[in-house]
Amino acid sequence: MSKDNEIFDCIGNVWLWNSEKGSWHFFTITEEIANEIYFTTSLKTLGLKRGFGAVKVRAIVGETIFTTSIFPNSKDKTYILPIKASVRKTENIKAGDEIKVQIELI
């Protein structure tokens, strides 16, 4: 991880979202950390946002490092992190598992 970017440590549970087209695993970033991410990204972008308010991140779960985007969840005032199938397989993660995630804003 870079020393120049903000890094956040989060602990929480993986949850499953189902739709007609499939299911996805997500991790909810706590409201406190979500507020810090929002503030940090607002200062860096000066109003220029990615689609849907997404924030590009590098995440570490266990020994696995991956790049993705987190998405705002306005209902709960948090961000959600999609957990890729390859990460879940490598780290043996399923819905309901508590995991630690390190998130770096990139």
N, C-alpha and C. Protein backbone atom coordinates (compact mmCIF):
# COMPACT_ATOMS: atom_id res chain seq x y z
N MET A 1 0.84 -1.18 0.00
CA MET A 1 0.00 0.00 0.00
C MET A 1 0.89 1.25 0.00
N SER A 2 0.39 2.28 -0.65
CA SER A 2 1.12 3.53 -0.76
C SER A 2 1.09 4.29 0.56
N LYS A 3 2.15 5.02 0.85
CA LYS A 3 2.17 5.83 2.06
C LYS A 3 1.51 7.19 1.84
N ASP A 4 1.21 7.55 0.58
CA ASP A 4 0.63 8.85 0.27
C ASP A 4 -0.89 8.88 0.35
N ASN A 5 -1.55 7.74 0.32
CA ASN A 5 -3.01 7.68 0.30
C ASN A 5 -3.56 7.31 1.68
N GLU A 6 -4.81 7.72 1.89
CA GLU A 6 -5.50 7.38 3.13
C GLU A 6 -5.76 5.88 3.19
N ILE A 7 -5.54 5.27 4.36
CA ILE A 7 -5.79 3.84 4.57
C ILE A 7 -6.71 3.68 5.77
N PHE A 8 -7.70 2.81 5.63
CA PHE A 8 -8.69 2.60 6.67
C PHE A 8 -8.80 1.11 6.99
N ASP A 9 -8.88 0.77 8.26
CA ASP A 9 -9.07 -0.61 8.71
C ASP A 9 -10.51 -0.78 9.17
N CYS A 10 -11.17 -1.82 8.66
CA CYS A 10 -12.57 -2.07 8.98
C CYS A 10 -12.76 -3.54 9.36
N ILE A 11 -13.68 -3.78 10.28
CA ILE A 11 -14.08 -5.13 10.63
C ILE A 11 -15.60 -5.19 10.53
N GLY A 12 -16.10 -6.25 9.92
CA GLY A 12 -17.54 -6.40 9.79
C GLY A 12 -17.88 -7.71 9.12
N ASN A 13 -19.16 -7.89 8.83
CA ASN A 13 -19.64 -9.14 8.25
C ASN A 13 -19.90 -9.00 6.76
N VAL A 14 -19.64 -10.06 6.04
CA VAL A 14 -19.97 -10.15 4.62
C VAL A 14 -21.45 -10.49 4.50
N TRP A 15 -22.13 -9.83 3.58
CA TRP A 15 -23.55 -10.11 3.38
C TRP A 15 -23.83 -10.35 1.90
N LEU A 16 -24.93 -11.02 1.65
CA LEU A 16 -25.31 -11.44 0.31
C LEU A 16 -26.49 -10.62 -0.18
N TRP A 17 -26.39 -10.14 -1.40
CA TRP A 17 -27.49 -9.44 -2.05
C TRP A 17 -27.90 -10.24 -3.27
N ASN A 18 -29.17 -10.58 -3.35
CA ASN A 18 -29.70 -11.38 -4.45
C ASN A 18 -30.59 -10.54 -5.35
N SER A 19 -30.52 -10.84 -6.65
CA SER A 19 -31.42 -10.23 -7.61
C SER A 19 -31.79 -11.29 -8.64
N GLU A 20 -32.60 -10.92 -9.60
CA GLU A 20 -33.00 -11.86 -10.64
C GLU A 20 -31.79 -12.32 -11.46
N LYS A 21 -30.77 -11.48 -11.56
CA LYS A 21 -29.62 -11.77 -12.41
C LYS A 21 -28.47 -12.43 -11.66
N GLY A 22 -28.60 -12.67 -10.38
CA GLY A 22 -27.53 -13.31 -9.63
C GLY A 22 -27.44 -12.79 -8.22
N SER A 23 -26.33 -13.12 -7.58
CA SER A 23 -26.12 -12.65 -6.21
C SER A 23 -24.68 -12.12 -6.09
N TRP A 24 -24.53 -11.18 -5.16
CA TRP A 24 -23.24 -10.54 -4.94
C TRP A 24 -22.97 -10.49 -3.44
N HIS A 25 -21.71 -10.59 -3.10
CA HIS A 25 -21.27 -10.48 -1.71
C HIS A 25 -20.70 -9.08 -1.47
N PHE A 26 -21.12 -8.49 -0.36
CA PHE A 26 -20.67 -7.14 -0.02
C PHE A 26 -20.20 -7.07 1.42
N PHE A 27 -19.46 -6.02 1.70
CA PHE A 27 -18.99 -5.68 3.04
C PHE A 27 -19.37 -4.23 3.25
N THR A 28 -20.01 -3.92 4.37
CA THR A 28 -20.42 -2.55 4.67
C THR A 28 -19.35 -1.87 5.52
N ILE A 29 -18.90 -0.73 5.03
CA ILE A 29 -17.93 0.09 5.75
C ILE A 29 -18.69 0.88 6.81
N THR A 30 -18.16 0.95 8.01
CA THR A 30 -18.86 1.63 9.09
C THR A 30 -19.13 3.10 8.76
N GLU A 31 -20.16 3.64 9.37
CA GLU A 31 -20.54 5.03 9.11
C GLU A 31 -19.41 6.00 9.46
N GLU A 32 -18.71 5.74 10.55
CA GLU A 32 -17.61 6.61 10.96
C GLU A 32 -16.51 6.66 9.88
N ILE A 33 -16.11 5.50 9.40
CA ILE A 33 -15.08 5.45 8.37
C ILE A 33 -15.63 5.99 7.05
N ALA A 34 -16.89 5.70 6.74
CA ALA A 34 -17.51 6.22 5.53
C ALA A 34 -17.49 7.75 5.51
N ASN A 35 -17.74 8.37 6.65
CA ASN A 35 -17.68 9.83 6.75
C ASN A 35 -16.27 10.34 6.46
N GLU A 36 -15.25 9.66 6.97
CA GLU A 36 -13.86 10.04 6.70
C GLU A 36 -13.54 9.90 5.22
N ILE A 37 -13.99 8.81 4.61
CA ILE A 37 -13.75 8.58 3.19
C ILE A 37 -14.43 9.67 2.37
N TYR A 38 -15.67 9.97 2.70
CA TYR A 38 -16.40 11.01 1.98
C TYR A 38 -15.68 12.35 2.08
N PHE A 39 -15.26 12.71 3.27
CA PHE A 39 -14.57 13.98 3.49
C PHE A 39 -13.26 14.00 2.71
N THR A 40 -12.48 12.93 2.79
CA THR A 40 -11.19 12.86 2.11
C THR A 40 -11.36 12.94 0.60
N THR A 41 -12.31 12.18 0.06
CA THR A 41 -12.49 12.20 -1.40
C THR A 41 -13.07 13.53 -1.87
N SER A 42 -13.90 14.16 -1.06
CA SER A 42 -14.46 15.46 -1.44
C SER A 42 -13.36 16.50 -1.56
N LEU A 43 -12.40 16.47 -0.65
CA LEU A 43 -11.29 17.41 -0.71
C LEU A 43 -10.41 17.16 -1.93
N LYS A 44 -10.18 15.90 -2.27
CA LYS A 44 -9.30 15.57 -3.39
C LYS A 44 -9.94 15.85 -4.75
N THR A 45 -11.24 15.64 -4.87
CA THR A 45 -11.89 15.75 -6.17
C THR A 45 -12.53 17.11 -6.42
N LEU A 46 -12.69 17.91 -5.39
CA LEU A 46 -13.31 19.23 -5.50
C LEU A 46 -14.60 19.18 -6.32
N GLY A 47 -15.44 18.22 -5.97
CA GLY A 47 -16.76 18.12 -6.60
C GLY A 47 -16.82 17.20 -7.80
N LEU A 48 -15.68 16.74 -8.30
CA LEU A 48 -15.70 15.82 -9.44
C LEU A 48 -15.82 14.41 -8.91
N LYS A 49 -16.94 13.76 -9.16
CA LYS A 49 -17.21 12.42 -8.62
C LYS A 49 -17.24 11.40 -9.75
N ARG A 50 -16.89 10.16 -9.43
CA ARG A 50 -17.05 9.06 -10.36
C ARG A 50 -18.53 8.71 -10.42
N GLY A 51 -18.92 7.89 -11.38
CA GLY A 51 -20.30 7.48 -11.52
C GLY A 51 -20.87 6.91 -10.23
N PHE A 52 -22.08 7.28 -9.90
CA PHE A 52 -22.80 6.81 -8.72
C PHE A 52 -22.09 7.19 -7.41
N GLY A 53 -21.13 8.09 -7.44
CA GLY A 53 -20.40 8.46 -6.23
C GLY A 53 -19.37 7.42 -5.82
N ALA A 54 -19.01 6.52 -6.76
CA ALA A 54 -18.04 5.45 -6.48
C ALA A 54 -16.67 6.04 -6.16
N VAL A 55 -15.93 5.32 -5.33
CA VAL A 55 -14.57 5.71 -4.95
C VAL A 55 -13.66 4.53 -5.25
N LYS A 56 -12.63 4.76 -6.04
CA LYS A 56 -11.69 3.69 -6.40
C LYS A 56 -10.80 3.39 -5.19
N VAL A 57 -10.65 2.08 -4.91
CA VAL A 57 -9.86 1.66 -3.74
C VAL A 57 -9.01 0.44 -4.07
N ARG A 58 -8.00 0.25 -3.25
CA ARG A 58 -7.24 -1.00 -3.19
C ARG A 58 -7.60 -1.59 -1.84
N ALA A 59 -7.98 -2.85 -1.83
CA ALA A 59 -8.42 -3.50 -0.59
C ALA A 59 -7.55 -4.72 -0.31
N ILE A 60 -7.37 -4.99 0.99
CA ILE A 60 -6.69 -6.20 1.42
C ILE A 60 -7.65 -6.95 2.33
N VAL A 61 -7.88 -8.21 1.99
CA VAL A 61 -8.65 -9.13 2.82
C VAL A 61 -7.76 -10.34 3.02
N GLY A 62 -7.38 -10.60 4.25
CA GLY A 62 -6.43 -11.68 4.51
C GLY A 62 -5.12 -11.37 3.82
N GLU A 63 -4.69 -12.26 2.94
CA GLU A 63 -3.45 -12.07 2.17
C GLU A 63 -3.73 -11.58 0.75
N THR A 64 -4.99 -11.34 0.43
CA THR A 64 -5.38 -10.99 -0.94
C THR A 64 -5.54 -9.49 -1.11
N ILE A 65 -4.87 -8.95 -2.12
CA ILE A 65 -4.96 -7.53 -2.47
C ILE A 65 -5.72 -7.43 -3.79
N PHE A 66 -6.72 -6.52 -3.85
CA PHE A 66 -7.45 -6.33 -5.09
C PHE A 66 -7.89 -4.88 -5.23
N THR A 67 -8.14 -4.48 -6.47
CA THR A 67 -8.59 -3.13 -6.78
C THR A 67 -10.05 -3.20 -7.21
N THR A 68 -10.83 -2.26 -6.70
CA THR A 68 -12.26 -2.20 -7.03
C THR A 68 -12.76 -0.80 -6.70
N SER A 69 -14.04 -0.62 -6.67
CA SER A 69 -14.64 0.64 -6.23
C SER A 69 -15.62 0.35 -5.11
N ILE A 70 -15.71 1.29 -4.18
CA ILE A 70 -16.75 1.22 -3.15
C ILE A 70 -17.87 2.16 -3.59
N PHE A 71 -19.08 1.83 -3.17
CA PHE A 71 -20.25 2.57 -3.62
C PHE A 71 -21.03 3.10 -2.43
N PRO A 72 -21.52 4.34 -2.54
CA PRO A 72 -22.27 4.90 -1.41
C PRO A 72 -23.61 4.19 -1.22
N ASN A 73 -23.96 4.00 0.03
CA ASN A 73 -25.27 3.46 0.41
C ASN A 73 -25.96 4.58 1.17
N SER A 74 -26.72 5.38 0.44
CA SER A 74 -27.31 6.58 1.05
C SER A 74 -28.31 6.25 2.14
N LYS A 75 -28.93 5.09 2.06
CA LYS A 75 -29.91 4.69 3.08
C LYS A 75 -29.25 4.62 4.47
N ASP A 76 -28.06 4.01 4.52
CA ASP A 76 -27.36 3.84 5.79
C ASP A 76 -26.20 4.80 6.00
N LYS A 77 -25.97 5.70 5.02
CA LYS A 77 -24.86 6.67 5.08
C LYS A 77 -23.52 5.97 5.25
N THR A 78 -23.32 4.93 4.46
CA THR A 78 -22.07 4.17 4.48
C THR A 78 -21.62 3.95 3.04
N TYR A 79 -20.55 3.20 2.89
CA TYR A 79 -20.13 2.69 1.59
C TYR A 79 -20.18 1.18 1.66
N ILE A 80 -20.37 0.55 0.49
CA ILE A 80 -20.31 -0.90 0.44
C ILE A 80 -19.18 -1.31 -0.51
N LEU A 81 -18.49 -2.36 -0.11
CA LEU A 81 -17.36 -2.91 -0.85
C LEU A 81 -17.78 -4.26 -1.43
N PRO A 82 -17.76 -4.40 -2.76
CA PRO A 82 -18.04 -5.72 -3.32
C PRO A 82 -16.85 -6.65 -3.07
N ILE A 83 -17.13 -7.86 -2.64
CA ILE A 83 -16.07 -8.85 -2.41
C ILE A 83 -16.08 -9.82 -3.60
N LYS A 84 -15.05 -9.73 -4.42
CA LYS A 84 -14.96 -10.53 -5.64
C LYS A 84 -14.95 -12.02 -5.32
N ALA A 85 -15.49 -12.80 -6.26
CA ALA A 85 -15.54 -14.26 -6.10
C ALA A 85 -14.13 -14.83 -5.90
N SER A 86 -13.16 -14.32 -6.64
CA SER A 86 -11.79 -14.84 -6.51
C SER A 86 -11.24 -14.59 -5.11
N VAL A 87 -11.59 -13.46 -4.51
CA VAL A 87 -11.15 -13.16 -3.15
C VAL A 87 -11.84 -14.09 -2.16
N ARG A 88 -13.14 -14.27 -2.32
CA ARG A 88 -13.89 -15.16 -1.42
C ARG A 88 -13.35 -16.58 -1.49
N LYS A 89 -13.03 -17.04 -2.68
CA LYS A 89 -12.51 -18.39 -2.85
C LYS A 89 -11.13 -18.52 -2.20
N THR A 90 -10.24 -17.59 -2.50
CA THR A 90 -8.88 -17.64 -1.95
C THR A 90 -8.87 -17.56 -0.44
N GLU A 91 -9.72 -16.71 0.13
CA GLU A 91 -9.73 -16.46 1.57
C GLU A 91 -10.79 -17.30 2.30
N ASN A 92 -11.50 -18.15 1.56
CA ASN A 92 -12.52 -19.03 2.14
C ASN A 92 -13.57 -18.22 2.93
N ILE A 93 -14.17 -17.26 2.23
CA ILE A 93 -15.15 -16.35 2.84
C ILE A 93 -16.54 -16.66 2.29
N LYS A 94 -17.53 -16.63 3.19
CA LYS A 94 -18.92 -16.79 2.77
C LYS A 94 -19.78 -15.75 3.49
N ALA A 95 -21.00 -15.59 3.03
CA ALA A 95 -21.93 -14.64 3.65
C ALA A 95 -22.05 -14.94 5.14
N GLY A 96 -22.02 -13.89 5.95
CA GLY A 96 -22.13 -14.02 7.40
C GLY A 96 -20.78 -14.03 8.11
N ASP A 97 -19.70 -14.29 7.37
CA ASP A 97 -18.37 -14.31 7.99
C ASP A 97 -17.93 -12.91 8.39
N GLU A 98 -17.29 -12.80 9.54
CA GLU A 98 -16.69 -11.54 9.95
C GLU A 98 -15.28 -11.49 9.37
N ILE A 99 -14.97 -10.37 8.72
CA ILE A 99 -13.65 -10.22 8.12
C ILE A 99 -13.05 -8.87 8.47
N LYS A 100 -11.75 -8.77 8.32
CA LYS A 100 -11.05 -7.49 8.46
C LYS A 100 -10.63 -7.06 7.06
N VAL A 101 -10.91 -5.81 6.75
CA VAL A 101 -10.58 -5.26 5.43
C VAL A 101 -9.75 -4.00 5.64
N GLN A 102 -8.68 -3.89 4.87
CA GLN A 102 -7.90 -2.65 4.84
C GLN A 102 -8.18 -2.00 3.49
N ILE A 103 -8.58 -0.74 3.54
CA ILE A 103 -8.98 -0.03 2.33
C ILE A 103 -8.07 1.17 2.14
N GLU A 104 -7.50 1.27 0.93
CA GLU A 104 -6.67 2.42 0.57
C GLU A 104 -7.36 3.17 -0.55
N LEU A 105 -7.56 4.46 -0.39
CA LEU A 105 -8.14 5.28 -1.46
C LEU A 105 -7.09 5.50 -2.53
N ILE A 106 -7.45 5.25 -3.78
CA ILE A 106 -6.49 5.44 -4.88
C ILE A 106 -7.06 6.34 -5.96
